[in-house]
Amino acid sequence: MDAAPSERTRVKRYNWLAKYDEATIHSILDAMPLCHVSYVHEGMPVVTPTLQWREGNRIFWHGSSASRMIRSTQSSKVCLCVSIFDGLVLARSAYNYNINHRSVMIFGEAEKVSDGEKQDHLKKFVNGVIPGQWDRLRPVTEQELKATTLMSMPISEASAKVRVGQPEDDEEDYSFPVWAGFIPVHFGIGEPVADPRNLDGVEMPADILKFKIG
């Protein structure tokens, strides 16, 4: 475990679960496209879910150009979080119930991606979800690009927490007669369901089966 990059990223609660190394942080970001961005809008705290992707040591996310998230986060401080729920931990006391999980919290100042770079980053995002998909799609229009804003920030002030395994009970509770353990949780990727309005003869690309989470 490397040292925390800043005081606000230093994990205090359950600090033995903390990870600050780049490999762990990147692996969690790459495993889960859903993130939550927290910011202040008109003096009130707001959290917005959206999709994120990583390019090197930067994180990107997108939103409608007219959304309050985009308007409130440009050149402003934000906190972005990605979480993966890996299991429910059933302890011998309600106090020690827990979850197995992987999570990343990133602090930074959100930067708007320039219009000239926007399409290249969107292509990387789409192809990162389904390889080769961008070139199969109907070409993006100028209006669609105008209606979409990309935000970005460096992954330089980040921390991860990773919990695995069994409950951590108080020593005296191990003699209490109740079942303890954990229930693994996995994201299931189902069979793709075709749109009934697909044109005749249009086949599903094999790359669609490569989509995964976790």
C-alpha atoms as a PDB file:
ATOM      1  CA  MET A   1       0.000   0.000   0.000  1.00  0.00           C
ATOM      2  CA  ASP A   2       1.450   3.332  -1.064  1.00  0.00           C
ATOM      3  CA  ALA A   3       0.947   6.501   0.960  1.00  0.00           C
ATOM      4  CA  ALA A   4      -2.170   8.615   0.470  1.00  0.00           C
ATOM      5  CA  PRO A   5      -1.579  11.378  -2.106  1.00  0.00           C
ATOM      6  CA  SER A   6      -3.290  13.979   0.113  1.00  0.00           C
ATOM      7  CA  GLU A   7      -4.871  14.339   3.546  1.00  0.00           C
ATOM      8  CA  ARG A   8      -8.423  14.332   2.176  1.00  0.00           C
ATOM      9  CA  THR A   9      -7.816  11.046   0.340  1.00  0.00           C
ATOM     10  CA  ARG A  10      -6.304   9.344   3.378  1.00  0.00           C
ATOM     11  CA  VAL A  11      -8.735   6.632   4.507  1.00  0.00           C
ATOM     12  CA  LYS A  12      -9.459   6.937   8.217  1.00  0.00           C
ATOM     13  CA  ARG A  13     -12.395   4.573   8.787  1.00  0.00           C
ATOM     14  CA  TYR A  14     -11.321   0.937   8.142  1.00  0.00           C
ATOM     15  CA  ASN A  15      -7.948   2.253   7.056  1.00  0.00           C
ATOM     16  CA  TRP A  16      -6.563  -1.275   6.679  1.00  0.00           C
ATOM     17  CA  LEU A  17      -8.754  -1.623   3.580  1.00  0.00           C
ATOM     18  CA  ALA A  18      -7.123   1.375   1.890  1.00  0.00           C
ATOM     19  CA  LYS A  19      -5.200   1.078  -1.354  1.00  0.00           C
ATOM     20  CA  TYR A  20      -3.450   4.015  -2.982  1.00  0.00           C
ATOM     21  CA  ASP A  21      -1.488   2.281  -5.724  1.00  0.00           C
ATOM     22  CA  GLU A  22      -2.219   3.120  -9.345  1.00  0.00           C
ATOM     23  CA  ALA A  23      -2.797  -0.492 -10.433  1.00  0.00           C
ATOM     24  CA  THR A  24      -5.621  -1.078  -7.921  1.00  0.00           C
ATOM     25  CA  ILE A  25      -7.306   2.260  -8.628  1.00  0.00           C
ATOM     26  CA  HIS A  26      -7.146   1.792 -12.398  1.00  0.00           C
ATOM     27  CA  SER A  27      -8.451  -1.781 -12.238  1.00  0.00           C
ATOM     28  CA  ILE A  28     -11.570  -0.694 -10.324  1.00  0.00           C
ATOM     29  CA  LEU A  29     -12.269   2.203 -12.690  1.00  0.00           C
ATOM     30  CA  ASP A  30     -11.874  -0.107 -15.688  1.00  0.00           C
ATOM     31  CA  ALA A  31     -14.183  -2.729 -14.180  1.00  0.00           C
ATOM     32  CA  MET A  32     -17.215  -0.477 -13.579  1.00  0.00           C
ATOM     33  CA  PRO A  33     -18.402   2.196 -16.056  1.00  0.00           C
ATOM     34  CA  LEU A  34     -21.042   3.625 -13.687  1.00  0.00           C
ATOM     35  CA  CYS A  35     -19.851   6.440 -11.443  1.00  0.00           C
ATOM     36  CA  HIS A  36     -21.387   9.105  -9.195  1.00  0.00           C
ATOM     37  CA  VAL A  37     -20.198  12.718  -9.379  1.00  0.00           C
ATOM     38  CA  SER A  38     -20.768  14.953  -6.358  1.00  0.00           C
ATOM     39  CA  TYR A  39     -20.717  18.743  -6.571  1.00  0.00           C
ATOM     40  CA  VAL A  40     -22.445  21.866  -5.260  1.00  0.00           C
ATOM     41  CA  HIS A  41     -25.322  23.373  -7.252  1.00  0.00           C
ATOM     42  CA  GLU A  42     -26.868  26.646  -6.103  1.00  0.00           C
ATOM     43  CA  GLY A  43     -25.475  26.080  -2.619  1.00  0.00           C
ATOM     44  CA  MET A  44     -26.843  22.535  -2.292  1.00  0.00           C
ATOM     45  CA  PRO A  45     -24.936  19.230  -2.498  1.00  0.00           C
ATOM     46  CA  VAL A  46     -25.896  17.063  -5.471  1.00  0.00           C
ATOM     47  CA  VAL A  47     -24.798  13.592  -6.621  1.00  0.00           C
ATOM     48  CA  THR A  48     -25.348  12.611 -10.263  1.00  0.00           C
ATOM     49  CA  PRO A  49     -24.820   9.124 -11.749  1.00  0.00           C
ATOM     50  CA  THR A  50     -23.232   8.932 -15.187  1.00  0.00           C
ATOM     51  CA  LEU A  51     -20.789   6.795 -17.161  1.00  0.00           C
ATOM     52  CA  GLN A  52     -17.028   7.170 -16.843  1.00  0.00           C
ATOM     53  CA  TRP A  53     -13.992   5.846 -18.634  1.00  0.00           C
ATOM     54  CA  ARG A  54     -10.260   6.052 -18.116  1.00  0.00           C
ATOM     55  CA  GLU A  55      -7.586   7.084 -20.585  1.00  0.00           C
ATOM     56  CA  GLY A  56      -4.171   6.685 -19.046  1.00  0.00           C
ATOM     57  CA  ASN A  57      -4.128   8.636 -15.807  1.00  0.00           C
ATOM     58  CA  ARG A  58      -7.216  10.743 -16.563  1.00  0.00           C
ATOM     59  CA  ILE A  59     -10.872  10.019 -15.965  1.00  0.00           C
ATOM     60  CA  PHE A  60     -13.629  11.213 -18.291  1.00  0.00           C
ATOM     61  CA  TRP A  61     -17.399  11.446 -17.942  1.00  0.00           C
ATOM     62  CA  HIS A  62     -20.171  12.903 -20.062  1.00  0.00           C
ATOM     63  CA  GLY A  63     -23.493  14.659 -19.760  1.00  0.00           C
ATOM     64  CA  SER A  64     -25.985  16.857 -21.550  1.00  0.00           C
ATOM     65  CA  SER A  65     -24.551  20.294 -22.276  1.00  0.00           C
ATOM     66  CA  ALA A  66     -27.643  21.792 -20.608  1.00  0.00           C
ATOM     67  CA  SER A  67     -27.502  19.665 -17.449  1.00  0.00           C
ATOM     68  CA  ARG A  68     -26.911  21.167 -14.025  1.00  0.00           C
ATOM     69  CA  MET A  69     -24.036  18.717 -13.481  1.00  0.00           C
ATOM     70  CA  ILE A  70     -22.143  20.091 -16.458  1.00  0.00           C
ATOM     71  CA  ARG A  71     -22.940  23.717 -15.652  1.00  0.00           C
ATOM     72  CA  SER A  72     -21.974  23.310 -11.999  1.00  0.00           C
ATOM     73  CA  THR A  73     -18.775  21.298 -12.406  1.00  0.00           C
ATOM     74  CA  GLN A  74     -16.896  23.244 -15.067  1.00  0.00           C
ATOM     75  CA  SER A  75     -13.650  24.453 -13.481  1.00  0.00           C
ATOM     76  CA  SER A  76     -15.052  23.449 -10.068  1.00  0.00           C
ATOM     77  CA  LYS A  77     -13.984  20.979  -7.424  1.00  0.00           C
ATOM     78  CA  VAL A  78     -15.767  17.625  -7.554  1.00  0.00           C
ATOM     79  CA  CYS A  79     -15.597  14.221  -5.937  1.00  0.00           C
ATOM     80  CA  LEU A  80     -16.148  11.217  -8.214  1.00  0.00           C
ATOM     81  CA  CYS A  81     -16.822   7.737  -6.850  1.00  0.00           C
ATOM     82  CA  VAL A  82     -16.931   4.288  -8.453  1.00  0.00           C
ATOM     83  CA  SER A  83     -18.183   1.344  -6.377  1.00  0.00           C
ATOM     84  CA  ILE A  84     -18.554  -2.394  -6.992  1.00  0.00           C
ATOM     85  CA  PHE A  85     -20.671  -4.485  -4.595  1.00  0.00           C
ATOM     86  CA  ASP A  86     -19.001  -7.906  -4.265  1.00  0.00           C
ATOM     87  CA  GLY A  87     -20.834  -9.498  -1.347  1.00  0.00           C
ATOM     88  CA  LEU A  88     -23.019  -9.176   1.739  1.00  0.00           C
ATOM     89  CA  VAL A  89     -21.119  -9.979   4.938  1.00  0.00           C
ATOM     90  CA  LEU A  90     -23.289 -11.457   7.691  1.00  0.00           C
ATOM     91  CA  ALA A  91     -21.630 -11.127  11.082  1.00  0.00           C
ATOM     92  CA  ARG A  92     -22.691 -12.415  14.497  1.00  0.00           C
ATOM     93  CA  SER A  93     -23.931  -8.966  15.438  1.00  0.00           C
ATOM     94  CA  ALA A  94     -25.801  -6.360  13.444  1.00  0.00           C
ATOM     95  CA  TYR A  95     -23.077  -3.850  14.304  1.00  0.00           C
ATOM     96  CA  ASN A  96     -20.471  -5.870  12.403  1.00  0.00           C
ATOM     97  CA  TYR A  97     -22.526  -6.451   9.243  1.00  0.00           C
ATOM     98  CA  ASN A  98     -20.537  -5.275   6.236  1.00  0.00           C
ATOM     99  CA  ILE A  99     -20.122  -5.625   2.491  1.00  0.00           C
ATOM    100  CA  ASN A 100     -17.286  -6.933   0.390  1.00  0.00           C
ATOM    101  CA  HIS A 101     -16.583  -4.244  -2.152  1.00  0.00           C
ATOM    102  CA  ARG A 102     -14.136  -2.353  -4.314  1.00  0.00           C
ATOM    103  CA  SER A 103     -14.418   1.417  -4.471  1.00  0.00           C
ATOM    104  CA  VAL A 104     -12.471   4.434  -5.665  1.00  0.00           C
ATOM    105  CA  MET A 105     -12.873   8.069  -4.631  1.00  0.00           C
ATOM    106  CA  ILE A 106     -11.218  10.794  -6.721  1.00  0.00           C
ATOM    107  CA  PHE A 107     -10.936  14.472  -5.840  1.00  0.00           C
ATOM    108  CA  GLY A 108     -10.064  17.157  -8.347  1.00  0.00           C
ATOM    109  CA  GLU A 109     -11.102  20.094 -10.466  1.00  0.00           C
ATOM    110  CA  ALA A 110     -13.325  19.173 -13.403  1.00  0.00           C
ATOM    111  CA  GLU A 111     -12.097  20.384 -16.785  1.00  0.00           C
ATOM    112  CA  LYS A 112     -14.244  20.691 -19.906  1.00  0.00           C
ATOM    113  CA  VAL A 113     -12.888  18.762 -22.883  1.00  0.00           C
ATOM    114  CA  SER A 114     -12.464  21.029 -25.915  1.00  0.00           C
ATOM    115  CA  ASP A 115     -14.835  20.686 -28.863  1.00  0.00           C
ATOM    116  CA  GLY A 116     -11.942  19.684 -31.102  1.00  0.00           C
ATOM    117  CA  GLU A 117     -11.057  16.698 -28.892  1.00  0.00           C
ATOM    118  CA  LYS A 118     -14.580  15.640 -27.947  1.00  0.00           C
ATOM    119  CA  GLN A 119     -15.283  13.189 -30.771  1.00  0.00           C
ATOM    120  CA  ASP A 120     -12.006  11.290 -30.326  1.00  0.00           C
ATOM    121  CA  HIS A 121     -12.723  10.726 -26.633  1.00  0.00           C
ATOM    122  CA  LEU A 122     -16.320   9.667 -27.315  1.00  0.00           C
ATOM    123  CA  LYS A 123     -15.023   7.130 -29.828  1.00  0.00           C
ATOM    124  CA  LYS A 124     -12.667   5.703 -27.194  1.00  0.00           C
ATOM    125  CA  PHE A 125     -15.564   5.495 -24.746  1.00  0.00           C
ATOM    126  CA  VAL A 126     -17.908   3.677 -27.139  1.00  0.00           C
ATOM    127  CA  ASN A 127     -15.215   1.264 -28.305  1.00  0.00           C
ATOM    128  CA  GLY A 128     -14.168   0.651 -24.718  1.00  0.00           C
ATOM    129  CA  VAL A 129     -17.659  -0.647 -23.932  1.00  0.00           C
ATOM    130  CA  ILE A 130     -18.102  -2.639 -27.174  1.00  0.00           C
ATOM    131  CA  PRO A 131     -14.918  -3.057 -29.247  1.00  0.00           C
ATOM    132  CA  GLY A 132     -15.205  -1.632 -32.767  1.00  0.00           C
ATOM    133  CA  GLN A 133     -18.738  -0.352 -32.225  1.00  0.00           C
ATOM    134  CA  TRP A 134     -18.122   3.309 -33.140  1.00  0.00           C
ATOM    135  CA  ASP A 135     -17.488   2.548 -36.824  1.00  0.00           C
ATOM    136  CA  ARG A 136     -20.632   0.389 -37.034  1.00  0.00           C
ATOM    137  CA  LEU A 137     -22.922   3.151 -35.824  1.00  0.00           C
ATOM    138  CA  ARG A 138     -24.661   5.882 -37.773  1.00  0.00           C
ATOM    139  CA  PRO A 139     -22.141   8.743 -37.837  1.00  0.00           C
ATOM    140  CA  VAL A 140     -22.546  11.272 -35.052  1.00  0.00           C
ATOM    141  CA  THR A 141     -24.016  14.630 -36.070  1.00  0.00           C
ATOM    142  CA  GLU A 142     -22.749  18.095 -35.232  1.00  0.00           C
ATOM    143  CA  GLN A 143     -25.920  18.746 -33.237  1.00  0.00           C
ATOM    144  CA  GLU A 144     -25.346  15.618 -31.136  1.00  0.00           C
ATOM    145  CA  LEU A 145     -21.778  16.670 -30.436  1.00  0.00           C
ATOM    146  CA  LYS A 146     -22.965  20.151 -29.475  1.00  0.00           C
ATOM    147  CA  ALA A 147     -25.547  18.670 -27.091  1.00  0.00           C
ATOM    148  CA  THR A 148     -22.923  16.529 -25.335  1.00  0.00           C
ATOM    149  CA  THR A 149     -20.234  17.820 -23.004  1.00  0.00           C
ATOM    150  CA  LEU A 150     -17.264  15.813 -21.763  1.00  0.00           C
ATOM    151  CA  MET A 151     -15.566  16.494 -18.465  1.00  0.00           C
ATOM    152  CA  SER A 152     -12.198  15.233 -17.307  1.00  0.00           C
ATOM    153  CA  MET A 153      -9.720  15.383 -14.454  1.00  0.00           C
ATOM    154  CA  PRO A 154      -6.423  13.717 -13.547  1.00  0.00           C
ATOM    155  CA  ILE A 155      -6.444  10.620 -11.346  1.00  0.00           C
ATOM    156  CA  SER A 156      -3.799  12.144  -9.112  1.00  0.00           C
ATOM    157  CA  GLU A 157      -5.720  12.552  -5.850  1.00  0.00           C
ATOM    158  CA  ALA A 158      -7.453   9.218  -5.347  1.00  0.00           C
ATOM    159  CA  SER A 159      -7.896   6.396  -2.878  1.00  0.00           C
ATOM    160  CA  ALA A 160      -9.401   2.918  -3.076  1.00  0.00           C
ATOM    161  CA  LYS A 161     -10.955   0.618  -0.495  1.00  0.00           C
ATOM    162  CA  VAL A 162     -11.083  -3.125  -1.040  1.00  0.00           C
ATOM    163  CA  ARG A 163     -12.769  -5.607   1.316  1.00  0.00           C
ATOM    164  CA  VAL A 164     -12.898  -9.369   0.804  1.00  0.00           C
ATOM    165  CA  GLY A 165     -13.711 -12.419   2.889  1.00  0.00           C
ATOM    166  CA  GLN A 166     -15.381 -13.205   6.170  1.00  0.00           C
ATOM    167  CA  PRO A 167     -16.917 -11.021   8.906  1.00  0.00           C
ATOM    168  CA  GLU A 168     -14.736  -9.436  11.544  1.00  0.00           C
ATOM    169  CA  ASP A 169     -16.585 -10.111  14.786  1.00  0.00           C
ATOM    170  CA  ASP A 170     -15.717  -9.162  18.329  1.00  0.00           C
ATOM    171  CA  GLU A 171     -13.738 -12.022  19.823  1.00  0.00           C
ATOM    172  CA  GLU A 172     -16.373 -12.831  22.436  1.00  0.00           C
ATOM    173  CA  ASP A 173     -19.060 -13.133  19.737  1.00  0.00           C
ATOM    174  CA  TYR A 174     -17.445 -16.102  18.018  1.00  0.00           C
ATOM    175  CA  SER A 175     -19.061 -18.338  20.651  1.00  0.00           C
ATOM    176  CA  PHE A 176     -22.559 -16.997  19.878  1.00  0.00           C
ATOM    177  CA  PRO A 177     -24.718 -19.664  18.113  1.00  0.00           C
ATOM    178  CA  VAL A 178     -25.701 -17.893  14.884  1.00  0.00           C
ATOM    179  CA  TRP A 179     -24.611 -18.579  11.311  1.00  0.00           C
ATOM    180  CA  ALA A 180     -22.050 -16.114   9.954  1.00  0.00           C
ATOM    181  CA  GLY A 181     -20.355 -15.795   6.593  1.00  0.00           C
ATOM    182  CA  PHE A 182     -20.829 -13.904   3.365  1.00  0.00           C
ATOM    183  CA  ILE A 183     -23.022 -14.049   0.265  1.00  0.00           C
ATOM    184  CA  PRO A 184     -21.032 -13.412  -2.923  1.00  0.00           C
ATOM    185  CA  VAL A 185     -22.592 -10.908  -5.328  1.00  0.00           C
ATOM    186  CA  HIS A 186     -21.829 -10.978  -9.051  1.00  0.00           C
ATOM    187  CA  PHE A 187     -23.036  -8.846 -11.936  1.00  0.00           C
ATOM    188  CA  GLY A 188     -24.748 -11.135 -14.430  1.00  0.00           C
ATOM    189  CA  ILE A 189     -24.472 -10.256 -18.109  1.00  0.00           C
ATOM    190  CA  GLY A 190     -27.494 -11.732 -19.901  1.00  0.00           C
ATOM    191  CA  GLU A 191     -27.978 -12.754 -23.495  1.00  0.00           C
ATOM    192  CA  PRO A 192     -28.394  -9.733 -25.801  1.00  0.00           C
ATOM    193  CA  VAL A 193     -32.013  -9.027 -26.757  1.00  0.00           C
ATOM    194  CA  ALA A 194     -32.483  -7.826 -30.336  1.00  0.00           C
ATOM    195  CA  ASP A 195     -34.615  -4.787 -31.129  1.00  0.00           C
ATOM    196  CA  PRO A 196     -37.657  -6.073 -33.071  1.00  0.00           C
ATOM    197  CA  ARG A 197     -37.196  -3.148 -35.479  1.00  0.00           C
ATOM    198  CA  ASN A 198     -33.749  -4.336 -36.586  1.00  0.00           C
ATOM    199  CA  LEU A 199     -33.536  -4.555 -40.355  1.00  0.00           C
ATOM    200  CA  ASP A 200     -33.691  -7.990 -41.940  1.00  0.00           C
ATOM    201  CA  GLY A 201     -30.269  -9.485 -42.448  1.00  0.00           C
ATOM    202  CA  VAL A 202     -28.512  -7.267 -39.879  1.00  0.00           C
ATOM    203  CA  GLU A 203     -26.548  -9.606 -37.629  1.00  0.00           C
ATOM    204  CA  MET A 204     -25.291  -8.941 -34.128  1.00  0.00           C
ATOM    205  CA  PRO A 205     -21.524  -8.288 -34.043  1.00  0.00           C
ATOM    206  CA  ALA A 206     -19.640 -10.883 -32.034  1.00  0.00           C
ATOM    207  CA  ASP A 207     -17.929  -8.032 -30.129  1.00  0.00           C
ATOM    208  CA  ILE A 208     -21.203  -7.315 -28.306  1.00  0.00           C
ATOM    209  CA  LEU A 209     -20.635 -10.527 -26.346  1.00  0.00           C
ATOM    210  CA  LYS A 210     -17.397  -9.049 -24.964  1.00  0.00           C
ATOM    211  CA  PHE A 211     -19.246  -6.573 -22.746  1.00  0.00           C
ATOM    212  CA  LYS A 212     -18.528  -7.193 -19.063  1.00  0.00           C
ATOM    213  CA  ILE A 213     -18.623  -5.570 -15.649  1.00  0.00           C
ATOM    214  CA  GLY A 214     -16.469  -6.443 -12.691  1.00  0.00           C
END
